[in-house]
Structure formats: structure tokens, C-alpha cells
Amino acid sequence: MAGTHSNYTKGEMEIAEQKETFSGFMGMTIYGGGVIALGLIFAILTVGGVGLSWFPALIITVVLGILMGILLKLNAAWYAAIMLLGGVTAVICFIAGLFF
């Protein structure tokens, strides 16, 4: 097997699809990891040892999400997602606060 001749020439393979796949994977890793990190920060600020009310914790988390987007040079979809998730979280926390 090792002695057989091959038509393969190093450096001539088309890798555009592999580059797109890797780019998509890295994008999902960055965005997913960011959302998970912000969720953990919000949880730690509210129920963890800090004991903040939900509204100041939400403001801190949104500001950290915006700073994260600036530092990681994320696109506008990140900022839209942060604002949307912040709004949904505010509504859920407000409604939950009425009952508990």
C-alpha cells in the first residue's frame, strides 16, 4: 500500500466547503458560548451569592453583552439578540414578580 503511486498532489485540493463548515462551527461556538456565559452571569447576580434584584442584574448583563460584542467584534445580529433576550427576560421576570 505504501509503495503504490497516487494522483494526489499536496496543496491542490479544493477546501472552500471545509472553510465554510469551520467558519460556521466557530461562529456558533462564539455566539452560543456568549449567550451561555451571559445567562450564567444573570443567574449568579440574581440567585447566586450577589443577591441583586432582577432589574439591576438584567441591566448589568445587557451591558456586559454589549461589551462582549464590541470586544469580540460580533455583527449586528448579536446586539439584536441581546436586546431581544433582555426584553423577553424583563417581561418574564416582571410577570413572575407579580406572582411570587
N, C-alpha and C. Protein backbone atom coordinates (compact mmCIF):
# COMPACT_ATOMS: atom_id res chain seq x y z
N MET A 1 0.81 -1.20 0.00
CA MET A 1 0.00 0.00 0.00
C MET A 1 0.85 1.25 0.00
N ALA A 2 1.89 1.27 0.82
CA ALA A 2 2.70 2.48 0.93
C ALA A 2 3.50 2.73 -0.34
N GLY A 3 3.78 1.71 -1.10
CA GLY A 3 4.60 1.86 -2.28
C GLY A 3 3.81 2.18 -3.54
N THR A 4 2.49 2.21 -3.49
CA THR A 4 1.69 2.45 -4.69
C THR A 4 1.70 3.92 -5.05
N HIS A 5 1.51 4.19 -6.32
CA HIS A 5 1.51 5.55 -6.83
C HIS A 5 0.11 6.17 -6.64
N SER A 6 0.08 7.45 -6.29
CA SER A 6 -1.18 8.15 -6.06
C SER A 6 -1.23 9.40 -6.93
N ASN A 7 -2.43 9.80 -7.32
CA ASN A 7 -2.62 11.02 -8.11
C ASN A 7 -2.71 12.26 -7.24
N TYR A 8 -2.62 12.10 -5.95
CA TYR A 8 -2.74 13.23 -5.02
C TYR A 8 -1.51 14.12 -5.08
N THR A 9 -1.76 15.42 -5.16
CA THR A 9 -0.68 16.40 -5.12
C THR A 9 -0.97 17.34 -3.96
N LYS A 10 -0.02 17.48 -3.07
CA LYS A 10 -0.21 18.29 -1.86
C LYS A 10 -0.49 19.75 -2.22
N GLY A 11 -1.56 20.30 -1.58
CA GLY A 11 -1.89 21.71 -1.75
C GLY A 11 -2.82 22.02 -2.90
N GLU A 12 -3.34 21.04 -3.59
CA GLU A 12 -4.20 21.30 -4.74
C GLU A 12 -5.66 20.92 -4.50
N MET A 13 -6.02 20.51 -3.32
CA MET A 13 -7.39 20.12 -3.03
C MET A 13 -8.25 21.35 -2.77
N GLU A 14 -9.46 21.37 -3.29
CA GLU A 14 -10.40 22.47 -3.06
C GLU A 14 -10.96 22.33 -1.64
N ILE A 15 -10.80 23.38 -0.83
CA ILE A 15 -11.21 23.30 0.58
C ILE A 15 -12.24 24.36 0.95
N ALA A 16 -12.93 24.93 -0.02
CA ALA A 16 -13.89 26.00 0.26
C ALA A 16 -15.01 25.51 1.18
N GLU A 17 -15.50 24.29 0.95
CA GLU A 17 -16.58 23.77 1.79
C GLU A 17 -16.11 23.52 3.22
N GLN A 18 -14.90 23.05 3.38
CA GLN A 18 -14.35 22.82 4.71
C GLN A 18 -14.17 24.15 5.45
N LYS A 19 -13.73 25.18 4.73
CA LYS A 19 -13.58 26.50 5.35
C LYS A 19 -14.93 27.05 5.81
N GLU A 20 -15.97 26.89 4.99
CA GLU A 20 -17.31 27.35 5.37
C GLU A 20 -17.83 26.59 6.58
N THR A 21 -17.61 25.30 6.62
CA THR A 21 -18.05 24.49 7.76
C THR A 21 -17.35 24.91 9.04
N PHE A 22 -16.04 25.09 8.97
CA PHE A 22 -15.28 25.51 10.14
C PHE A 22 -15.69 26.91 10.60
N SER A 23 -15.92 27.80 9.65
CA SER A 23 -16.35 29.16 9.98
C SER A 23 -17.72 29.14 10.67
N GLY A 24 -18.63 28.32 10.18
CA GLY A 24 -19.94 28.20 10.82
C GLY A 24 -19.84 27.61 12.22
N PHE A 25 -18.99 26.61 12.38
CA PHE A 25 -18.79 26.00 13.69
C PHE A 25 -18.23 27.01 14.69
N MET A 26 -17.23 27.77 14.27
CA MET A 26 -16.62 28.76 15.16
C MET A 26 -17.62 29.87 15.51
N GLY A 27 -18.43 30.27 14.53
CA GLY A 27 -19.45 31.28 14.80
C GLY A 27 -20.46 30.80 15.83
N MET A 28 -20.94 29.58 15.66
CA MET A 28 -21.91 29.04 16.61
C MET A 28 -21.28 28.86 18.00
N THR A 29 -20.01 28.51 18.03
CA THR A 29 -19.32 28.35 19.31
C THR A 29 -19.21 29.69 20.03
N ILE A 30 -18.84 30.74 19.30
CA ILE A 30 -18.69 32.05 19.92
C ILE A 30 -20.04 32.59 20.39
N TYR A 31 -21.04 32.55 19.52
CA TYR A 31 -22.35 33.08 19.89
C TYR A 31 -23.01 32.24 20.99
N GLY A 32 -22.95 30.93 20.86
CA GLY A 32 -23.54 30.06 21.87
C GLY A 32 -22.86 30.19 23.22
N GLY A 33 -21.53 30.24 23.20
CA GLY A 33 -20.79 30.41 24.44
C GLY A 33 -21.07 31.76 25.10
N GLY A 34 -21.23 32.79 24.28
CA GLY A 34 -21.56 34.11 24.82
C GLY A 34 -22.92 34.14 25.49
N VAL A 35 -23.90 33.53 24.85
CA VAL A 35 -25.25 33.50 25.43
C VAL A 35 -25.26 32.69 26.72
N ILE A 36 -24.56 31.57 26.74
CA ILE A 36 -24.48 30.75 27.95
C ILE A 36 -23.79 31.52 29.07
N ALA A 37 -22.70 32.21 28.74
CA ALA A 37 -21.98 32.99 29.75
C ALA A 37 -22.85 34.10 30.32
N LEU A 38 -23.59 34.79 29.47
CA LEU A 38 -24.47 35.86 29.96
C LEU A 38 -25.62 35.30 30.81
N GLY A 39 -26.14 34.14 30.42
CA GLY A 39 -27.18 33.51 31.24
C GLY A 39 -26.66 33.14 32.61
N LEU A 40 -25.45 32.62 32.66
CA LEU A 40 -24.85 32.28 33.96
C LEU A 40 -24.58 33.53 34.80
N ILE A 41 -24.13 34.60 34.16
CA ILE A 41 -23.89 35.85 34.89
C ILE A 41 -25.19 36.37 35.48
N PHE A 42 -26.26 36.35 34.69
CA PHE A 42 -27.55 36.82 35.20
C PHE A 42 -28.01 35.96 36.37
N ALA A 43 -27.86 34.65 36.24
CA ALA A 43 -28.28 33.75 37.33
C ALA A 43 -27.45 33.97 38.59
N ILE A 44 -26.15 34.17 38.42
CA ILE A 44 -25.29 34.39 39.59
C ILE A 44 -25.64 35.71 40.27
N LEU A 45 -25.94 36.74 39.48
CA LEU A 45 -26.26 38.04 40.06
C LEU A 45 -27.60 38.03 40.80
N THR A 46 -28.54 37.21 40.34
CA THR A 46 -29.86 37.21 40.97
C THR A 46 -29.97 36.16 42.08
N VAL A 47 -29.70 34.91 41.77
CA VAL A 47 -29.90 33.85 42.75
C VAL A 47 -28.62 33.43 43.45
N GLY A 48 -27.49 33.81 42.90
CA GLY A 48 -26.21 33.43 43.48
C GLY A 48 -25.91 34.24 44.72
N GLY A 49 -24.67 34.29 45.06
CA GLY A 49 -24.24 34.96 46.28
C GLY A 49 -24.39 36.47 46.26
N VAL A 50 -24.56 37.08 45.08
CA VAL A 50 -24.66 38.54 44.99
C VAL A 50 -26.00 39.02 45.50
N GLY A 51 -27.08 38.38 45.10
CA GLY A 51 -28.42 38.69 45.61
C GLY A 51 -29.01 39.99 45.10
N LEU A 52 -28.68 40.40 43.87
CA LEU A 52 -29.28 41.61 43.30
C LEU A 52 -30.73 41.34 42.90
N SER A 53 -31.48 42.39 42.79
CA SER A 53 -32.81 42.30 42.22
C SER A 53 -32.67 41.98 40.72
N TRP A 54 -33.73 41.50 40.09
CA TRP A 54 -33.62 41.08 38.70
C TRP A 54 -33.35 42.24 37.76
N PHE A 55 -33.88 43.43 38.05
CA PHE A 55 -33.72 44.54 37.11
C PHE A 55 -32.27 45.06 37.04
N PRO A 56 -31.62 45.35 38.17
CA PRO A 56 -30.20 45.74 38.06
C PRO A 56 -29.32 44.64 37.48
N ALA A 57 -29.63 43.39 37.81
CA ALA A 57 -28.86 42.28 37.26
C ALA A 57 -29.05 42.20 35.74
N LEU A 58 -30.26 42.48 35.27
CA LEU A 58 -30.52 42.47 33.83
C LEU A 58 -29.77 43.58 33.13
N ILE A 59 -29.74 44.76 33.72
CA ILE A 59 -29.01 45.88 33.12
C ILE A 59 -27.52 45.56 33.04
N ILE A 60 -26.96 45.02 34.11
CA ILE A 60 -25.54 44.65 34.12
C ILE A 60 -25.25 43.60 33.06
N THR A 61 -26.14 42.63 32.94
CA THR A 61 -25.94 41.55 31.97
C THR A 61 -26.01 42.08 30.54
N VAL A 62 -26.96 42.96 30.25
CA VAL A 62 -27.07 43.52 28.90
C VAL A 62 -25.84 44.37 28.58
N VAL A 63 -25.38 45.17 29.53
CA VAL A 63 -24.18 45.98 29.30
C VAL A 63 -22.97 45.08 29.05
N LEU A 64 -22.84 44.01 29.83
CA LEU A 64 -21.74 43.06 29.59
C LEU A 64 -21.87 42.38 28.22
N GLY A 65 -23.09 42.11 27.80
CA GLY A 65 -23.30 41.52 26.48
C GLY A 65 -22.90 42.47 25.36
N ILE A 66 -23.18 43.74 25.53
CA ILE A 66 -22.77 44.74 24.53
C ILE A 66 -21.25 44.86 24.51
N LEU A 67 -20.63 44.91 25.69
CA LEU A 67 -19.17 44.97 25.74
C LEU A 67 -18.53 43.73 25.13
N MET A 68 -19.14 42.57 25.36
CA MET A 68 -18.65 41.33 24.78
C MET A 68 -18.71 41.40 23.25
N GLY A 69 -19.80 41.95 22.73
CA GLY A 69 -19.93 42.10 21.28
C GLY A 69 -18.90 43.03 20.70
N ILE A 70 -18.59 44.11 21.42
CA ILE A 70 -17.57 45.05 20.95
C ILE A 70 -16.19 44.40 20.97
N LEU A 71 -15.87 43.74 22.08
CA LEU A 71 -14.55 43.13 22.21
C LEU A 71 -14.31 41.98 21.22
N LEU A 72 -15.35 41.19 20.96
CA LEU A 72 -15.21 40.07 20.03
C LEU A 72 -15.53 40.45 18.59
N LYS A 73 -15.88 41.72 18.36
CA LYS A 73 -16.19 42.24 17.02
C LYS A 73 -17.31 41.43 16.36
N LEU A 74 -18.41 41.24 17.11
CA LEU A 74 -19.54 40.49 16.60
C LEU A 74 -20.43 41.39 15.75
N ASN A 75 -21.22 40.78 14.88
CA ASN A 75 -22.05 41.58 13.97
C ASN A 75 -23.33 42.07 14.65
N ALA A 76 -24.16 42.76 13.89
CA ALA A 76 -25.37 43.40 14.44
C ALA A 76 -26.38 42.39 14.97
N ALA A 77 -26.35 41.17 14.49
CA ALA A 77 -27.28 40.15 14.99
C ALA A 77 -27.05 39.88 16.47
N TRP A 78 -25.82 39.99 16.94
CA TRP A 78 -25.52 39.80 18.36
C TRP A 78 -26.25 40.84 19.20
N TYR A 79 -26.16 42.10 18.79
CA TYR A 79 -26.78 43.18 19.55
C TYR A 79 -28.31 43.07 19.53
N ALA A 80 -28.85 42.67 18.38
CA ALA A 80 -30.29 42.47 18.29
C ALA A 80 -30.73 41.32 19.21
N ALA A 81 -29.95 40.25 19.23
CA ALA A 81 -30.28 39.11 20.09
C ALA A 81 -30.20 39.49 21.56
N ILE A 82 -29.19 40.28 21.93
CA ILE A 82 -29.05 40.71 23.33
C ILE A 82 -30.24 41.57 23.74
N MET A 83 -30.64 42.49 22.89
CA MET A 83 -31.79 43.34 23.21
C MET A 83 -33.09 42.52 23.28
N LEU A 84 -33.26 41.60 22.36
CA LEU A 84 -34.46 40.75 22.36
C LEU A 84 -34.50 39.87 23.60
N LEU A 85 -33.38 39.22 23.91
CA LEU A 85 -33.35 38.37 25.10
C LEU A 85 -33.52 39.18 26.38
N GLY A 86 -32.94 40.39 26.40
CA GLY A 86 -33.13 41.27 27.56
C GLY A 86 -34.59 41.67 27.74
N GLY A 87 -35.27 41.98 26.64
CA GLY A 87 -36.69 42.32 26.71
C GLY A 87 -37.56 41.16 27.16
N VAL A 88 -37.30 39.98 26.60
CA VAL A 88 -38.07 38.79 26.99
C VAL A 88 -37.82 38.47 28.47
N THR A 89 -36.57 38.58 28.90
CA THR A 89 -36.24 38.31 30.30
C THR A 89 -36.93 39.31 31.22
N ALA A 90 -36.98 40.58 30.82
CA ALA A 90 -37.64 41.60 31.63
C ALA A 90 -39.12 41.30 31.78
N VAL A 91 -39.78 40.92 30.70
CA VAL A 91 -41.21 40.60 30.75
C VAL A 91 -41.45 39.39 31.65
N ILE A 92 -40.65 38.35 31.48
CA ILE A 92 -40.81 37.13 32.29
C ILE A 92 -40.57 37.42 33.76
N CYS A 93 -39.52 38.18 34.06
CA CYS A 93 -39.23 38.49 35.46
C CYS A 93 -40.31 39.38 36.08
N PHE A 94 -40.85 40.31 35.30
CA PHE A 94 -41.92 41.17 35.80
C PHE A 94 -43.17 40.36 36.10
N ILE A 95 -43.54 39.47 35.21
CA ILE A 95 -44.74 38.64 35.42
C ILE A 95 -44.50 37.70 36.60
N ALA A 96 -43.32 37.10 36.68
CA ALA A 96 -43.01 36.20 37.80
C ALA A 96 -43.02 36.97 39.12
N GLY A 97 -42.57 38.23 39.09
CA GLY A 97 -42.58 39.03 40.31
C GLY A 97 -43.98 39.35 40.81
N LEU A 98 -44.95 39.35 39.93
CA LEU A 98 -46.33 39.58 40.35
C LEU A 98 -46.90 38.41 41.15
N PHE A 99 -46.42 37.21 40.86
CA PHE A 99 -46.96 36.02 41.48
C PHE A 99 -46.14 35.50 42.66
N PHE A 100 -44.87 35.84 42.72
CA PHE A 100 -44.02 35.29 43.78
C PHE A 100 -43.56 36.35 44.72
